[in-house]
Protein backbone atom coordinates (compact mmCIF):
# COMPACT_ATOMS: atom_id res chain seq x y z
CA UNK A 1 -135.98 113.13 66.65
CA UNK A 2 -136.01 116.81 67.57
CA UNK A 3 -137.07 119.36 64.99
CA UNK A 4 -133.62 120.97 65.03
CA UNK A 5 -131.94 117.67 64.14
CA UNK A 6 -134.38 117.06 61.29
CA UNK A 7 -133.71 120.51 59.87
CA UNK A 8 -129.96 120.02 60.21
CA UNK A 9 -129.98 116.68 58.40
CA UNK A 10 -132.23 118.11 55.68
CA UNK A 11 -129.87 121.03 55.19
CA UNK A 12 -126.83 118.75 54.98
CA UNK A 13 -128.55 116.63 52.34
CA UNK A 14 -129.61 119.76 50.44
CA UNK A 15 -126.08 121.20 50.44
CA UNK A 16 -124.61 117.93 49.17
CA UNK A 17 -127.17 117.82 46.34
CA UNK A 18 -126.48 121.49 45.62
CA UNK A 19 -122.76 120.72 45.40
CA UNK A 20 -123.34 117.99 42.82
CA UNK A 21 -125.73 120.14 40.78
CA UNK A 22 -123.32 123.08 40.79
CA UNK A 23 -120.71 120.82 39.20
CA UNK A 24 -123.35 119.81 36.63
CA UNK A 25 -123.45 123.48 35.65
CA UNK A 26 -119.77 124.44 35.80
CA UNK A 27 -118.18 121.45 34.07
CA UNK A 28 -120.39 121.11 30.94
CA UNK A 29 -120.62 124.86 30.36
CA UNK A 30 -116.84 125.19 30.58
CA UNK A 31 -116.40 122.24 28.19
CA UNK A 32 -118.89 123.80 25.78
CA UNK A 33 -117.01 127.09 25.60
CA UNK A 34 -113.73 125.25 25.08
CA UNK A 35 -115.16 123.14 22.25
CA UNK A 36 -116.78 126.19 20.63
CA UNK A 37 -113.47 128.11 20.62
CA UNK A 38 -114.63 130.52 23.30
CA UNK A 39 -118.01 131.19 21.69
CA UNK A 40 -121.30 130.79 23.57
CA UNK A 41 -124.24 129.28 21.70
CA UNK A 42 -126.83 130.76 24.08
CA UNK A 43 -129.05 133.16 22.11
CA UNK A 44 -126.81 132.75 19.06
CA UNK A 45 -128.51 132.93 15.67
CA UNK A 46 -127.37 132.10 12.17
CA UNK A 47 -128.17 131.71 8.50
CA UNK A 48 -127.56 128.56 6.48
CA UNK A 49 -125.45 129.15 3.38
CA UNK A 50 -126.70 127.42 0.26
CA UNK A 51 -123.33 127.24 -1.46
CA UNK A 52 -121.49 125.24 1.21
CA UNK A 53 -124.21 124.24 3.68
CA UNK A 54 -122.42 126.02 6.53
CA UNK A 55 -124.07 128.04 9.27
CA UNK A 56 -123.10 131.69 9.30
CA UNK A 57 -123.42 132.38 13.02
CA UNK A 58 -124.07 135.70 14.72
CA UNK A 59 -122.72 134.69 18.10
CA UNK A 60 -124.43 135.82 21.24
CA UNK A 61 -122.53 137.47 24.04
CA UNK A 62 -120.06 135.33 25.97
CA UNK A 63 -121.46 136.96 29.09
CA UNK A 64 -124.39 134.53 29.01
CA UNK A 65 -122.19 131.47 29.49
CA UNK A 66 -119.91 133.36 31.88
CA UNK A 67 -122.88 134.31 34.05
CA UNK A 68 -124.17 130.74 34.22
CA UNK A 69 -120.72 129.44 35.17
CA UNK A 70 -120.32 132.21 37.77
CA UNK A 71 -123.64 131.24 39.39
CA UNK A 72 -122.46 127.64 39.57
CA UNK A 73 -119.18 128.72 41.18
CA UNK A 74 -121.08 130.86 43.70
CA UNK A 75 -123.23 127.86 44.64
CA UNK A 76 -120.10 125.78 45.07
CA UNK A 77 -118.47 128.42 47.27
CA UNK A 78 -121.62 128.61 49.41
CA UNK A 79 -121.14 124.93 50.17
CA UNK A 80 -117.36 125.13 50.67
CA UNK A 81 -117.35 128.11 53.04
CA UNK A 82 -120.54 127.45 54.96
CA UNK A 83 -119.97 127.78 58.70
CA UNK A 84 -121.97 126.63 61.67
CA UNK A 85 -125.09 128.70 62.27
CA UNK A 86 -125.04 128.67 66.07
CA UNK A 87 -126.72 132.05 66.51
CA UNK A 88 -129.72 133.97 65.29
CA UNK A 89 -127.50 136.28 63.19
CA UNK A 90 -125.68 133.46 61.40
CA UNK A 91 -128.99 131.69 60.70
CA UNK A 92 -130.40 134.95 59.34
CA UNK A 93 -127.40 135.41 57.02
CA UNK A 94 -127.79 131.86 55.77
CA UNK A 95 -131.48 132.43 55.02
CA UNK A 96 -130.67 135.60 53.08
CA UNK A 97 -127.91 133.80 51.15
CA UNK A 98 -130.26 130.96 50.19
CA UNK A 99 -132.89 133.43 48.98
CA UNK A 100 -130.32 135.26 46.84
CA UNK A 101 -129.08 132.00 45.33
CA UNK A 102 -132.68 131.03 44.51
CA UNK A 103 -132.99 134.19 42.41
CA UNK A 104 -129.61 133.64 40.73
CA UNK A 105 -130.38 129.97 40.02
CA UNK A 106 -133.74 130.64 38.36
CA UNK A 107 -132.22 133.39 36.21
CA UNK A 108 -129.35 131.10 35.12
CA UNK A 109 -131.75 128.23 34.42
CA UNK A 110 -134.03 130.46 32.35
CA UNK A 111 -131.02 131.80 30.45
CA UNK A 112 -129.78 128.31 29.55
CA UNK A 113 -133.25 127.11 28.52
CA UNK A 114 -134.22 130.11 26.40
CA UNK A 115 -130.75 130.53 24.93
CA UNK A 116 -130.57 126.86 23.94
CA UNK A 117 -134.02 127.05 22.34
CA UNK A 118 -132.88 130.03 20.25
CA UNK A 119 -129.86 128.08 18.98
CA UNK A 120 -131.90 124.94 18.23
CA UNK A 121 -134.42 126.93 16.19
CA UNK A 122 -131.64 127.54 13.67
CA UNK A 123 -130.43 123.95 13.78
CA UNK A 124 -133.84 122.41 13.00
CA UNK A 125 -133.98 124.42 9.77
CA UNK A 126 -131.43 121.96 8.37
CA UNK A 127 -131.68 118.90 10.66
CA UNK A 128 -134.72 116.94 11.91
CA UNK A 129 -133.83 117.74 15.52
CA UNK A 130 -131.24 119.73 17.41
CA UNK A 131 -129.58 116.54 18.62
CA UNK A 132 -128.98 115.39 15.04
CA UNK A 133 -126.46 118.22 14.56
CA UNK A 134 -124.14 116.58 17.10
CA UNK A 135 -120.79 115.84 15.48
CA UNK A 136 -121.63 117.68 12.25
CA UNK A 137 -119.30 120.28 10.71
CA UNK A 138 -121.79 123.11 10.59
CA UNK A 139 -119.36 125.98 11.14
CA UNK A 140 -115.83 125.30 9.94
CA UNK A 141 -115.02 129.01 9.78
CA UNK A 142 -115.22 129.42 13.57
CA UNK A 143 -113.54 126.02 14.18
CA UNK A 144 -116.16 124.76 16.59
CA UNK A 145 -116.62 121.15 17.68
CA UNK A 146 -120.25 120.05 17.95
CA UNK A 147 -119.57 116.56 19.29
CA UNK A 148 -120.84 117.26 22.79
CA UNK A 149 -122.89 120.46 22.69
CA UNK A 150 -126.30 118.80 23.05
CA UNK A 151 -125.47 116.66 26.09
CA UNK A 152 -123.43 119.49 27.64
CA UNK A 153 -126.19 122.06 27.39
CA UNK A 154 -128.77 119.48 28.43
CA UNK A 155 -126.74 118.63 31.53
CA UNK A 156 -126.26 122.32 32.39
CA UNK A 157 -129.98 122.92 31.97
CA UNK A 158 -130.82 120.00 34.27
CA UNK A 159 -128.26 121.18 36.81
CA UNK A 160 -129.54 124.76 36.81
CA UNK A 161 -133.21 123.87 37.30
CA UNK A 162 -132.31 121.18 39.84
CA UNK A 163 -130.17 123.68 41.72
CA UNK A 164 -133.04 126.15 41.75
CA UNK A 165 -135.36 123.56 43.31
CA UNK A 166 -132.66 122.59 45.83
CA UNK A 167 -132.01 126.18 46.91
CA UNK A 168 -135.73 126.78 47.32
CA UNK A 169 -135.79 123.85 49.72
CA UNK A 170 -132.70 125.13 51.54
CA UNK A 171 -134.30 128.56 51.82
CA UNK A 172 -137.36 126.98 53.45
CA UNK A 173 -135.20 124.95 55.86
CA UNK A 174 -133.09 127.98 56.81
CA UNK A 175 -136.23 130.05 57.40
CA UNK A 176 -137.67 127.36 59.67
CA UNK A 177 -134.39 127.26 61.59
CA UNK A 178 -134.46 131.05 61.87
CA UNK A 179 -137.95 130.87 63.35
CA UNK A 180 -136.69 128.21 65.76
CA UNK A 181 -133.86 130.45 66.94
CA UNK A 182 -136.30 133.34 67.34
CA UNK A 183 -138.58 131.17 69.45
CA UNK A 184 -135.68 130.03 71.63
CA UNK A 185 -134.55 133.62 72.14
CA UNK A 186 -138.04 134.62 73.25
CA UNK A 187 -138.10 131.72 75.72
CA UNK A 188 -134.69 132.70 77.10
CA UNK A 189 -135.75 136.33 77.53
CA UNK A 190 -138.94 135.27 79.28
CA UNK A 191 -137.03 132.94 81.61
CA UNK A 192 -134.50 135.70 82.40
CA UNK A 193 -137.25 138.17 83.27
CA UNK A 194 -139.03 135.63 85.45
CA UNK A 195 -135.78 134.80 87.26
CA UNK A 196 -135.07 138.48 87.88
CA UNK A 197 -138.58 138.95 89.26
CA UNK A 198 -138.15 136.04 91.66
CA UNK A 199 -134.74 137.34 92.76
CA UNK A 200 -136.13 140.79 93.42
CA UNK A 201 -139.03 139.40 95.41
CA UNK A 202 -136.68 137.22 97.47
CA UNK A 203 -134.35 140.13 98.32
CA UNK A 204 -137.16 142.38 99.61
CA UNK A 205 -137.29 142.18 103.47
CA UNK A 206 -140.67 141.34 104.97
CA UNK A 207 -142.55 144.21 106.47
CA UNK A 208 -142.79 144.32 110.33
CA UNK A 209 -146.31 144.98 111.54
CA UNK A 210 -146.62 148.18 113.58
CA UNK A 211 -148.32 147.71 116.99
CA UNK A 212 -150.71 150.44 117.91
CA UNK A 213 -150.56 151.90 121.47
CA UNK A 214 -153.77 152.21 123.40
């Protein structure tokens, strides 16, 4: 199988995986914000109240969750609106887009991981593990539902890091395809120059020898 076909099949597989992983980011993060009444637990901190056992939460910015969801949507749109890269320019734009999404994916993944760790540090002050707080009424004042936060954030974290690895692979594939297009262009230019040289040599009339008079 030609190298171009291998790269094409690898890219198709990568984009399909990226589509699935983007949904693993968008869906659970959206569910989390809905269940937490619009709050975002990423980088949120709190203090346990002795009188009622409730967690007095200083909520982190909603922008953290919004950013992670936006990165997932951008990944999804990259898959939905991807065209055919039949030229050097389109292949170059795809390579740049993959590189940008790599940076966005690693930032979103780091944000989910570090933000979730910050939240769980408060939870383990009262529970043996962060997962044990699932389904517990730890913050009745803010009317949050904790029934699915652990699996939702865990799924989003998996999706974000998986998406980062996938987009790194897609960036490598797109760069290899870009090099392939560059090589083909060089071959075409060389063939054109050689053809022009042969045409010019064929159109030049042969020189008639001049006879000397004695």
